[in-house]
Amino acid sequence: MAANKIRYGLRNAHYAVLDEEGGTYATPVKLPGAVSLELTPEGEESSFYADDAKYFTMTANNGYKGSLELAYIDDAAKAALLGFGTDDNGLALEGPDDVQAPFALLYEVQGDAAGRRYVFYNVKMARPAESRETQGEQTTPKTESASISALPFTFDGRRVVKASLEYATATATAYDAWFSAVAVPETVAQG
């Protein structure tokens, strides 16, 4: 199968909470209603000058910052990712001392040849903005957007921010298991 020439779409969003003490991820949970994901690289560029010219330039990879827009963020996801709680009556509670959990964000985009699957390893989500309005003659669904940051995470002594896998170049086992467990690099090749 040929490699993709274009990419489009966003689907199959999942989250897997990270156990920071053990460094392991819980089983991925579907995050339905993915509308958009916008992430901007974070990191400073530094240059070294020699021979009266820019001799070497390096850009630090400090991860990404941006937003994740979903049709609706359910109470279970808010509890797992934002630390929200629930009382005995089922009342969903947001408290001032809630702690966000780090998690892996998994998703898929389509291409002209095949899908490509992604994982960001160390993501934190801020509380979503609240925006509501009265219903008029037409019902227009409102979405929820939350700011997210994806930071480096250390595997085998090497910091990694994200990984991806394209159907055309992946093993069938790795591609098929993508949303069953977070793909953790076994040996990280220096690139």
C-alpha atoms as a PDB file:
ATOM      1  CA  MET A   1       0.000   0.000   0.000  1.00  0.00           C
ATOM      2  CA  ALA A   2       1.269   3.473  -0.860  1.00  0.00           C
ATOM      3  CA  ALA A   3       1.984   6.119   1.772  1.00  0.00           C
ATOM      4  CA  ASN A   4      -0.410   9.016   2.276  1.00  0.00           C
ATOM      5  CA  LYS A   5      -0.016  12.190   0.256  1.00  0.00           C
ATOM      6  CA  ILE A   6      -2.673  14.113   2.201  1.00  0.00           C
ATOM      7  CA  ARG A   7      -4.308  13.948   5.628  1.00  0.00           C
ATOM      8  CA  TYR A   8      -7.769  15.002   6.737  1.00  0.00           C
ATOM      9  CA  GLY A   9     -10.358  14.453   9.435  1.00  0.00           C
ATOM     10  CA  LEU A  10     -10.221  13.645  13.131  1.00  0.00           C
ATOM     11  CA  ARG A  11     -11.780  10.570  14.701  1.00  0.00           C
ATOM     12  CA  ASN A  12     -11.396   7.840  17.303  1.00  0.00           C
ATOM     13  CA  ALA A  13     -10.205  10.170  20.059  1.00  0.00           C
ATOM     14  CA  HIS A  14      -9.349   8.320  23.264  1.00  0.00           C
ATOM     15  CA  TYR A  15      -7.684   9.169  26.557  1.00  0.00           C
ATOM     16  CA  ALA A  16      -5.652   6.955  28.871  1.00  0.00           C
ATOM     17  CA  VAL A  17      -4.855   8.305  32.330  1.00  0.00           C
ATOM     18  CA  LEU A  18      -1.191   8.088  33.340  1.00  0.00           C
ATOM     19  CA  ASP A  19      -0.280   6.598  36.708  1.00  0.00           C
ATOM     20  CA  GLU A  20       2.591   8.976  37.487  1.00  0.00           C
ATOM     21  CA  GLU A  21       4.086   6.779  40.210  1.00  0.00           C
ATOM     22  CA  GLY A  22       4.189   3.621  38.123  1.00  0.00           C
ATOM     23  CA  GLY A  23       4.647   5.323  34.754  1.00  0.00           C
ATOM     24  CA  THR A  24       1.924   3.170  33.198  1.00  0.00           C
ATOM     25  CA  TYR A  25      -1.278   4.057  31.386  1.00  0.00           C
ATOM     26  CA  ALA A  26      -4.805   2.880  32.074  1.00  0.00           C
ATOM     27  CA  THR A  27      -6.766   1.281  29.248  1.00  0.00           C
ATOM     28  CA  PRO A  28      -7.762   3.927  26.673  1.00  0.00           C
ATOM     29  CA  VAL A  29     -11.314   5.260  26.974  1.00  0.00           C
ATOM     30  CA  LYS A  30     -13.285   6.585  23.996  1.00  0.00           C
ATOM     31  CA  LEU A  31     -13.668  10.368  23.926  1.00  0.00           C
ATOM     32  CA  PRO A  32     -16.615  10.698  21.550  1.00  0.00           C
ATOM     33  CA  GLY A  33     -17.490  13.726  19.482  1.00  0.00           C
ATOM     34  CA  ALA A  34     -14.032  14.953  18.436  1.00  0.00           C
ATOM     35  CA  VAL A  35     -14.529  18.137  16.407  1.00  0.00           C
ATOM     36  CA  SER A  36     -11.056  19.671  16.161  1.00  0.00           C
ATOM     37  CA  LEU A  37      -7.562  19.521  17.601  1.00  0.00           C
ATOM     38  CA  GLU A  38      -5.201  22.450  17.211  1.00  0.00           C
ATOM     39  CA  LEU A  39      -1.718  22.234  18.688  1.00  0.00           C
ATOM     40  CA  THR A  40       1.142  24.693  18.248  1.00  0.00           C
ATOM     41  CA  PRO A  41       4.754  23.621  18.878  1.00  0.00           C
ATOM     42  CA  GLU A  42       6.412  25.073  21.984  1.00  0.00           C
ATOM     43  CA  GLY A  43      10.141  25.711  22.211  1.00  0.00           C
ATOM     44  CA  GLU A  44      12.802  28.363  21.823  1.00  0.00           C
ATOM     45  CA  GLU A  45      15.245  28.563  18.963  1.00  0.00           C
ATOM     46  CA  SER A  46      18.887  29.162  19.786  1.00  0.00           C
ATOM     47  CA  SER A  47      21.685  29.852  17.346  1.00  0.00           C
ATOM     48  CA  PHE A  48      25.451  29.561  17.499  1.00  0.00           C
ATOM     49  CA  TYR A  49      27.558  31.864  15.366  1.00  0.00           C
ATOM     50  CA  ALA A  50      30.989  31.065  13.964  1.00  0.00           C
ATOM     51  CA  ASP A  51      32.912  32.138  10.865  1.00  0.00           C
ATOM     52  CA  ASP A  52      30.868  35.359  10.825  1.00  0.00           C
ATOM     53  CA  ALA A  53      27.654  33.450  10.094  1.00  0.00           C
ATOM     54  CA  LYS A  54      24.905  31.406  11.733  1.00  0.00           C
ATOM     55  CA  TYR A  55      26.812  28.158  12.154  1.00  0.00           C
ATOM     56  CA  PHE A  56      24.268  26.015  13.975  1.00  0.00           C
ATOM     57  CA  THR A  57      20.620  26.427  14.998  1.00  0.00           C
ATOM     58  CA  MET A  58      18.652  24.267  17.375  1.00  0.00           C
ATOM     59  CA  THR A  59      15.013  24.448  18.412  1.00  0.00           C
ATOM     60  CA  ALA A  60      14.004  23.006  21.767  1.00  0.00           C
ATOM     61  CA  ASN A  61      11.008  20.670  21.704  1.00  0.00           C
ATOM     62  CA  ASN A  62       8.957  21.614  24.752  1.00  0.00           C
ATOM     63  CA  GLY A  63       5.827  19.937  23.457  1.00  0.00           C
ATOM     64  CA  TYR A  64       2.656  21.596  22.189  1.00  0.00           C
ATOM     65  CA  LYS A  65      -0.108  23.898  23.414  1.00  0.00           C
ATOM     66  CA  GLY A  66      -3.528  24.331  21.917  1.00  0.00           C
ATOM     67  CA  SER A  67      -7.132  23.258  22.171  1.00  0.00           C
ATOM     68  CA  LEU A  68      -9.303  20.192  21.849  1.00  0.00           C
ATOM     69  CA  GLU A  69     -12.879  20.767  20.742  1.00  0.00           C
ATOM     70  CA  LEU A  70     -15.473  18.097  21.450  1.00  0.00           C
ATOM     71  CA  ALA A  71     -19.209  17.885  20.935  1.00  0.00           C
ATOM     72  CA  TYR A  72     -19.559  17.285  24.679  1.00  0.00           C
ATOM     73  CA  ILE A  73     -17.197  16.341  27.508  1.00  0.00           C
ATOM     74  CA  ASP A  74     -19.073  13.867  29.699  1.00  0.00           C
ATOM     75  CA  ASP A  75     -18.879  13.700  33.497  1.00  0.00           C
ATOM     76  CA  ALA A  76     -16.738  10.536  33.461  1.00  0.00           C
ATOM     77  CA  ALA A  77     -14.069  12.261  31.337  1.00  0.00           C
ATOM     78  CA  LYS A  78     -14.212  15.388  33.517  1.00  0.00           C
ATOM     79  CA  ALA A  79     -13.716  13.210  36.608  1.00  0.00           C
ATOM     80  CA  ALA A  80     -10.823  11.257  35.093  1.00  0.00           C
ATOM     81  CA  LEU A  81      -9.009  14.176  33.451  1.00  0.00           C
ATOM     82  CA  LEU A  82      -9.943  17.218  35.533  1.00  0.00           C
ATOM     83  CA  GLY A  83     -10.493  15.663  38.957  1.00  0.00           C
ATOM     84  CA  PHE A  84     -14.164  16.619  39.136  1.00  0.00           C
ATOM     85  CA  GLY A  85     -16.252  14.581  41.555  1.00  0.00           C
ATOM     86  CA  THR A  86     -19.759  13.225  42.048  1.00  0.00           C
ATOM     87  CA  ASP A  87     -21.793  13.125  45.243  1.00  0.00           C
ATOM     88  CA  ASP A  88     -24.084  10.308  46.402  1.00  0.00           C
ATOM     89  CA  ASN A  89     -27.015  11.874  44.525  1.00  0.00           C
ATOM     90  CA  GLY A  90     -25.144  11.932  41.217  1.00  0.00           C
ATOM     91  CA  LEU A  91     -24.456  15.669  41.412  1.00  0.00           C
ATOM     92  CA  ALA A  92     -21.383  16.460  39.262  1.00  0.00           C
ATOM     93  CA  LEU A  93     -19.018  18.641  41.279  1.00  0.00           C
ATOM     94  CA  GLU A  94     -16.213  20.973  40.241  1.00  0.00           C
ATOM     95  CA  GLY A  95     -14.051  22.112  43.135  1.00  0.00           C
ATOM     96  CA  PRO A  96     -11.316  24.728  43.511  1.00  0.00           C
ATOM     97  CA  ASP A  97      -8.768  22.088  44.557  1.00  0.00           C
ATOM     98  CA  ASP A  98      -9.408  19.599  41.731  1.00  0.00           C
ATOM     99  CA  VAL A  99      -6.178  18.276  40.231  1.00  0.00           C
ATOM    100  CA  GLN A 100      -5.821  17.539  36.526  1.00  0.00           C
ATOM    101  CA  ALA A 101      -4.499  14.096  35.676  1.00  0.00           C
ATOM    102  CA  PRO A 102      -1.835  13.618  33.017  1.00  0.00           C
ATOM    103  CA  PHE A 103      -3.042  11.391  30.195  1.00  0.00           C
ATOM    104  CA  ALA A 104      -2.216  10.076  26.760  1.00  0.00           C
ATOM    105  CA  LEU A 105      -4.353  11.454  23.935  1.00  0.00           C
ATOM    106  CA  LEU A 106      -4.872   9.006  21.085  1.00  0.00           C
ATOM    107  CA  TYR A 107      -6.650   9.739  17.809  1.00  0.00           C
ATOM    108  CA  GLU A 108      -6.732   8.979  14.097  1.00  0.00           C
ATOM    109  CA  VAL A 109      -6.712  11.045  10.925  1.00  0.00           C
ATOM    110  CA  GLN A 110      -7.522   9.817   7.450  1.00  0.00           C
ATOM    111  CA  GLY A 111      -5.387  10.027   4.339  1.00  0.00           C
ATOM    112  CA  ASP A 112      -5.768   9.329   0.664  1.00  0.00           C
ATOM    113  CA  ALA A 113      -4.192   5.872   1.141  1.00  0.00           C
ATOM    114  CA  ALA A 114      -4.819   4.907   4.789  1.00  0.00           C
ATOM    115  CA  GLY A 115      -5.382   6.159   8.295  1.00  0.00           C
ATOM    116  CA  ARG A 116      -2.602   7.420  10.547  1.00  0.00           C
ATOM    117  CA  ARG A 117      -2.865   7.012  14.308  1.00  0.00           C
ATOM    118  CA  TYR A 118      -1.295   9.375  16.852  1.00  0.00           C
ATOM    119  CA  VAL A 119      -0.566   9.494  20.568  1.00  0.00           C
ATOM    120  CA  PHE A 120       0.576  12.427  22.676  1.00  0.00           C
ATOM    121  CA  TYR A 121       2.046  10.930  25.840  1.00  0.00           C
ATOM    122  CA  ASN A 122       1.866  13.577  28.561  1.00  0.00           C
ATOM    123  CA  VAL A 123      -1.222  15.747  28.124  1.00  0.00           C
ATOM    124  CA  LYS A 124      -2.987  17.973  30.621  1.00  0.00           C
ATOM    125  CA  MET A 125      -6.382  19.547  30.011  1.00  0.00           C
ATOM    126  CA  ALA A 126      -7.725  22.772  31.497  1.00  0.00           C
ATOM    127  CA  ARG A 127     -11.362  23.230  32.415  1.00  0.00           C
ATOM    128  CA  PRO A 128     -13.513  23.818  29.316  1.00  0.00           C
ATOM    129  CA  ALA A 129     -14.980  27.248  28.730  1.00  0.00           C
ATOM    130  CA  GLU A 130     -18.704  27.642  29.410  1.00  0.00           C
ATOM    131  CA  SER A 131     -20.884  29.196  26.707  1.00  0.00           C
ATOM    132  CA  ARG A 132     -24.647  28.781  26.417  1.00  0.00           C
ATOM    133  CA  GLU A 133     -27.410  30.654  24.624  1.00  0.00           C
ATOM    134  CA  THR A 134     -31.132  30.373  24.214  1.00  0.00           C
ATOM    135  CA  GLN A 135     -32.579  28.194  21.473  1.00  0.00           C
ATOM    136  CA  GLY A 136     -34.077  30.003  18.493  1.00  0.00           C
ATOM    137  CA  GLU A 137     -35.970  28.684  15.498  1.00  0.00           C
ATOM    138  CA  GLN A 138     -33.051  26.460  14.599  1.00  0.00           C
ATOM    139  CA  THR A 139     -31.054  24.382  17.018  1.00  0.00           C
ATOM    140  CA  THR A 140     -27.331  24.827  16.558  1.00  0.00           C
ATOM    141  CA  PRO A 141     -25.266  22.439  18.664  1.00  0.00           C
ATOM    142  CA  LYS A 142     -22.670  24.010  20.949  1.00  0.00           C
ATOM    143  CA  THR A 143     -19.318  22.357  21.413  1.00  0.00           C
ATOM    144  CA  GLU A 144     -16.919  22.375  24.356  1.00  0.00           C
ATOM    145  CA  SER A 145     -13.297  23.437  23.940  1.00  0.00           C
ATOM    146  CA  ALA A 146     -10.537  22.918  26.449  1.00  0.00           C
ATOM    147  CA  SER A 147      -6.979  24.160  26.410  1.00  0.00           C
ATOM    148  CA  ILE A 148      -4.481  21.331  26.444  1.00  0.00           C
ATOM    149  CA  SER A 149      -0.731  21.042  26.692  1.00  0.00           C
ATOM    150  CA  ALA A 150       1.300  18.065  25.521  1.00  0.00           C
ATOM    151  CA  LEU A 151       4.650  17.857  27.279  1.00  0.00           C
ATOM    152  CA  PRO A 152       7.631  15.530  26.855  1.00  0.00           C
ATOM    153  CA  PHE A 153       7.553  12.191  28.684  1.00  0.00           C
ATOM    154  CA  THR A 154      10.565   9.988  29.399  1.00  0.00           C
ATOM    155  CA  PHE A 155      10.815   6.411  28.072  1.00  0.00           C
ATOM    156  CA  ASP A 156      14.065   4.508  28.534  1.00  0.00           C
ATOM    157  CA  GLY A 157      15.953   7.708  29.255  1.00  0.00           C
ATOM    158  CA  ARG A 158      14.742   9.495  26.105  1.00  0.00           C
ATOM    159  CA  ARG A 159      12.125  12.214  26.169  1.00  0.00           C
ATOM    160  CA  VAL A 160       9.258  11.651  23.746  1.00  0.00           C
ATOM    161  CA  VAL A 161       6.329  13.977  23.012  1.00  0.00           C
ATOM    162  CA  LYS A 162       4.266  12.012  20.507  1.00  0.00           C
ATOM    163  CA  ALA A 163       4.272   8.983  18.262  1.00  0.00           C
ATOM    164  CA  SER A 164       2.341   8.025  15.164  1.00  0.00           C
ATOM    165  CA  LEU A 165       1.747   4.978  13.052  1.00  0.00           C
ATOM    166  CA  GLU A 166       0.602   4.794   9.452  1.00  0.00           C
ATOM    167  CA  TYR A 167      -1.250   1.746   8.211  1.00  0.00           C
ATOM    168  CA  ALA A 168       1.011   1.395   5.151  1.00  0.00           C
ATOM    169  CA  THR A 169       4.203   1.039   7.218  1.00  0.00           C
ATOM    170  CA  ALA A 170       2.958  -0.465  10.499  1.00  0.00           C
ATOM    171  CA  THR A 171       2.728  -4.047  11.601  1.00  0.00           C
ATOM    172  CA  ALA A 172      -0.875  -5.224  11.638  1.00  0.00           C
ATOM    173  CA  THR A 173      -0.556  -6.074  15.338  1.00  0.00           C
ATOM    174  CA  ALA A 174       0.574  -2.566  16.325  1.00  0.00           C
ATOM    175  CA  TYR A 175      -2.018  -0.830  14.140  1.00  0.00           C
ATOM    176  CA  ASP A 176      -4.939  -2.991  15.282  1.00  0.00           C
ATOM    177  CA  ALA A 177      -4.034  -2.653  18.986  1.00  0.00           C
ATOM    178  CA  TRP A 178      -3.627   1.150  18.884  1.00  0.00           C
ATOM    179  CA  PHE A 179      -6.784   1.948  20.869  1.00  0.00           C
ATOM    180  CA  SER A 180      -6.526  -1.091  23.183  1.00  0.00           C
ATOM    181  CA  ALA A 181      -3.409   0.090  25.024  1.00  0.00           C
ATOM    182  CA  VAL A 182      -1.083   3.077  24.781  1.00  0.00           C
ATOM    183  CA  ALA A 183       1.775   2.237  22.419  1.00  0.00           C
ATOM    184  CA  VAL A 184       4.924   2.587  24.504  1.00  0.00           C
ATOM    185  CA  PRO A 185       8.201   2.611  22.582  1.00  0.00           C
ATOM    186  CA  GLU A 186      10.304  -0.395  23.536  1.00  0.00           C
ATOM    187  CA  THR A 187      13.548   0.858  22.058  1.00  0.00           C
ATOM    188  CA  VAL A 188      13.751   4.460  21.014  1.00  0.00           C
ATOM    189  CA  ALA A 189      15.987   4.998  17.999  1.00  0.00           C
ATOM    190  CA  GLN A 190      17.770   8.326  17.873  1.00  0.00           C
ATOM    191  CA  GLY A 191      16.513  10.262  14.883  1.00  0.00           C
END
